Amino acid sequence: MGVVLRELQYHADDRGNLSEIYRQEWHSDIRLSQWNVSHCVNNSLRGVHLHLKHTDYLVVLSGRFVFGLRDLRRDSESFGRTAMLDLTGGALLIPPGVAHGFHCVAEGTLVYGLSHSWDLEDDLACRWDDPDHGLVFPATDPILSARDRDAGGFDDLLTRFEEMPR
């Protein structure tokens, strides 16, 4: 599916610990141009989103998150596949064309980099609970942004994705 999950290695001593969260050589074909930090409250949900241009590189610093992923790249051998990942740590690289969302199960913090600066035109959305995308989040009445709450269905997202210039 092109998604890469990297376990973080912690190096501890009497002062605490240190972990590398990103090295350019891990993903030499991707340059990250924007970094964000997001603190999420219990039962918040972001997505489902899809990007044509930018890659997301998400690092779970604390808390517990369930990520839903669906590959929509027709030229990919994993086209149509879905995955649900329950993470309390690690780094997740999500390429363009992979629909994704995440549910914060236990309050936590994410740091994430983008390969291109965020652009609303490159950020499609659909409802988190649309059964057509095949992603089943462990959420009941999650906290959503207005944009995610009012997003259309998965079929609409697919149509918009197919119509976007490449």
Protein backbone atom coordinates (compact mmCIF):
# COMPACT_ATOMS: atom_id res chain seq x y z
CA MET A 1 0.00 0.00 0.00
CA GLY A 2 3.05 2.26 0.15
CA VAL A 3 2.44 3.05 3.81
CA VAL A 4 5.54 2.64 5.98
CA LEU A 5 5.37 2.03 9.75
CA ARG A 6 8.59 2.68 11.65
CA GLU A 7 9.02 1.66 15.28
CA LEU A 8 10.80 4.33 17.30
CA GLN A 9 14.00 3.33 19.07
CA TYR A 10 14.43 4.95 22.48
CA HIS A 11 17.88 5.48 23.96
CA ALA A 12 17.56 5.91 27.72
CA ASP A 13 19.92 7.06 30.44
CA ASP A 14 19.56 8.77 33.83
CA ARG A 15 18.31 11.98 32.16
CA GLY A 16 15.40 10.34 30.34
CA ASN A 17 15.38 9.15 26.74
CA LEU A 18 15.90 10.23 23.16
CA SER A 19 14.39 8.89 19.96
CA GLU A 20 15.07 9.82 16.37
CA ILE A 21 11.75 10.50 14.68
CA TYR A 22 12.99 11.28 11.17
CA ARG A 23 16.10 10.88 9.06
CA GLN A 24 16.20 11.98 5.44
CA GLU A 25 17.90 8.71 4.42
CA TRP A 26 14.89 6.72 5.69
CA HIS A 27 12.80 8.28 2.91
CA SER A 28 15.33 9.80 0.53
CA ASP A 29 12.70 10.42 -2.18
CA ILE A 30 10.59 12.66 0.09
CA ARG A 31 11.44 16.14 1.37
CA LEU A 32 9.22 17.39 4.19
CA SER A 33 8.36 21.08 3.87
CA GLN A 34 5.89 21.66 6.71
CA TRP A 35 5.78 20.35 10.29
CA ASN A 36 2.75 20.39 12.62
CA VAL A 37 2.03 19.25 16.16
CA SER A 38 -1.46 18.15 17.13
CA HIS A 39 -2.73 17.41 20.61
CA CYS A 40 -5.86 15.27 20.45
CA VAL A 41 -8.50 14.70 23.13
CA ASN A 42 -10.15 11.36 23.83
CA ASN A 43 -12.69 10.27 21.21
CA SER A 44 -11.65 12.89 18.65
CA LEU A 45 -11.47 11.76 15.04
CA ARG A 46 -9.80 13.36 12.03
CA GLY A 47 -10.66 12.26 8.52
CA VAL A 48 -11.20 10.43 6.38
CA HIS A 49 -8.89 12.52 4.16
CA LEU A 50 -7.15 11.95 0.82
CA HIS A 51 -4.32 13.90 -0.82
CA LEU A 52 -3.24 13.90 -4.44
CA LYS A 53 0.07 15.76 -3.93
CA HIS A 54 1.39 15.52 -0.43
CA THR A 55 2.78 12.72 1.69
CA ASP A 56 2.06 12.72 5.44
CA TYR A 57 4.69 11.57 7.94
CA LEU A 58 2.94 11.13 11.32
CA VAL A 59 4.76 10.41 14.59
CA VAL A 60 2.77 9.26 17.63
CA LEU A 61 4.48 10.85 20.64
CA SER A 62 1.91 9.93 23.28
CA GLY A 63 -1.58 8.49 23.60
CA ARG A 64 -3.28 5.81 21.54
CA PHE A 65 -4.55 6.25 18.00
CA VAL A 66 -6.35 3.96 15.58
CA PHE A 67 -5.43 4.79 11.98
CA GLY A 68 -7.60 3.69 9.06
CA LEU A 69 -5.99 3.42 5.61
CA ARG A 70 -7.37 2.60 2.15
CA ASP A 71 -5.26 2.58 -1.02
CA LEU A 72 -7.06 4.37 -3.88
CA ARG A 73 -4.12 4.42 -6.32
CA ARG A 74 -5.29 2.43 -9.35
CA ASP A 75 -1.69 1.79 -10.45
CA SER A 76 -0.77 0.26 -7.08
CA GLU A 77 -0.63 -3.48 -6.48
CA SER A 78 -2.42 -2.82 -3.19
CA PHE A 79 -5.28 -0.86 -4.84
CA GLY A 80 -8.46 -1.14 -2.76
CA ARG A 81 -6.79 -2.70 0.29
CA THR A 82 -7.61 -1.40 3.74
CA ALA A 83 -5.73 -1.54 7.03
CA MET A 84 -6.49 -0.52 10.59
CA LEU A 85 -3.46 0.20 12.80
CA ASP A 86 -3.66 0.61 16.58
CA LEU A 87 -0.62 2.69 17.60
CA THR A 88 0.80 3.95 20.89
CA GLY A 89 4.08 4.96 19.26
CA GLY A 90 5.93 4.87 15.97
CA ALA A 91 6.04 6.84 12.75
CA LEU A 92 3.68 6.33 9.83
CA LEU A 93 4.39 7.50 6.27
CA ILE A 94 1.21 7.85 4.17
CA PRO A 95 1.70 8.52 0.44
CA PRO A 96 -0.65 10.50 -1.80
CA GLY A 97 -3.64 8.47 -2.96
CA VAL A 98 -4.08 6.59 0.33
CA ALA A 99 -7.25 7.66 2.15
CA HIS A 100 -6.71 7.90 5.88
CA GLY A 101 -8.15 9.01 9.17
CA PHE A 102 -7.38 8.52 12.82
CA HIS A 103 -9.35 8.14 16.01
CA CYS A 104 -7.78 9.25 19.29
CA VAL A 105 -8.62 6.45 21.72
CA ALA A 106 -6.49 7.86 24.57
CA GLU A 107 -5.54 11.55 24.68
CA GLY A 108 -2.24 12.11 22.95
CA THR A 109 0.06 14.10 20.74
CA LEU A 110 1.16 13.68 17.13
CA VAL A 111 3.89 15.46 15.21
CA TYR A 112 3.57 15.34 11.46
CA GLY A 113 5.42 16.51 8.44
CA LEU A 114 4.07 17.18 4.97
CA SER A 115 5.98 16.91 1.74
CA HIS A 116 4.14 19.97 0.39
CA SER A 117 2.63 22.87 2.31
CA TRP A 118 -0.98 22.21 3.24
CA ASP A 119 -3.49 23.25 0.58
CA LEU A 120 -7.26 22.83 0.90
CA GLU A 121 -7.46 21.96 -2.80
CA ASP A 122 -5.24 18.91 -2.09
CA ASP A 123 -7.24 17.74 0.92
CA LEU A 124 -10.36 15.79 0.00
CA ALA A 125 -12.62 14.46 2.75
CA CYS A 126 -15.46 12.02 3.28
CA ARG A 127 -17.45 10.87 6.28
CA TRP A 128 -15.53 8.75 8.77
CA ASP A 129 -18.47 6.35 9.16
CA ASP A 130 -19.31 5.76 5.48
CA PRO A 131 -19.33 1.95 5.15
CA ASP A 132 -18.21 2.16 1.50
CA HIS A 133 -14.59 3.01 2.40
CA GLY A 134 -14.25 -0.15 4.49
CA LEU A 135 -12.62 1.55 7.49
CA VAL A 136 -14.15 0.70 10.86
CA PHE A 137 -13.03 3.03 13.62
CA PRO A 138 -13.71 2.13 17.28
CA ALA A 139 -15.63 5.38 17.73
CA THR A 140 -19.10 6.19 18.97
CA ASP A 141 -20.22 9.77 18.44
CA PRO A 142 -16.65 11.10 18.03
CA ILE A 143 -15.60 14.74 18.29
CA LEU A 144 -15.23 16.04 14.71
CA SER A 145 -14.32 19.28 12.98
CA ALA A 146 -17.18 20.99 11.16
CA ARG A 147 -15.51 20.06 7.87
CA ASP A 148 -15.28 16.36 8.73
CA ARG A 149 -18.81 16.32 10.18
CA ASP A 150 -20.24 17.87 6.99
CA ALA A 151 -18.10 15.85 4.54
CA GLY A 152 -19.84 13.95 1.78
CA GLY A 153 -19.80 10.24 1.10
CA PHE A 154 -16.98 8.02 -0.06
CA ASP A 155 -18.37 7.81 -3.61
CA ASP A 156 -18.19 11.62 -3.87
CA LEU A 157 -14.56 11.55 -2.66
CA LEU A 158 -13.71 8.93 -5.31
CA THR A 159 -15.33 11.02 -8.05
CA ARG A 160 -13.43 14.16 -7.00
CA PHE A 161 -10.18 12.19 -6.74
CA GLU A 162 -10.58 10.75 -10.25
CA GLU A 163 -11.33 14.23 -11.66
CA MET A 164 -8.27 15.90 -10.12
CA PRO A 165 -5.52 16.78 -12.60
CA ARG A 166 -2.39 14.66 -12.23
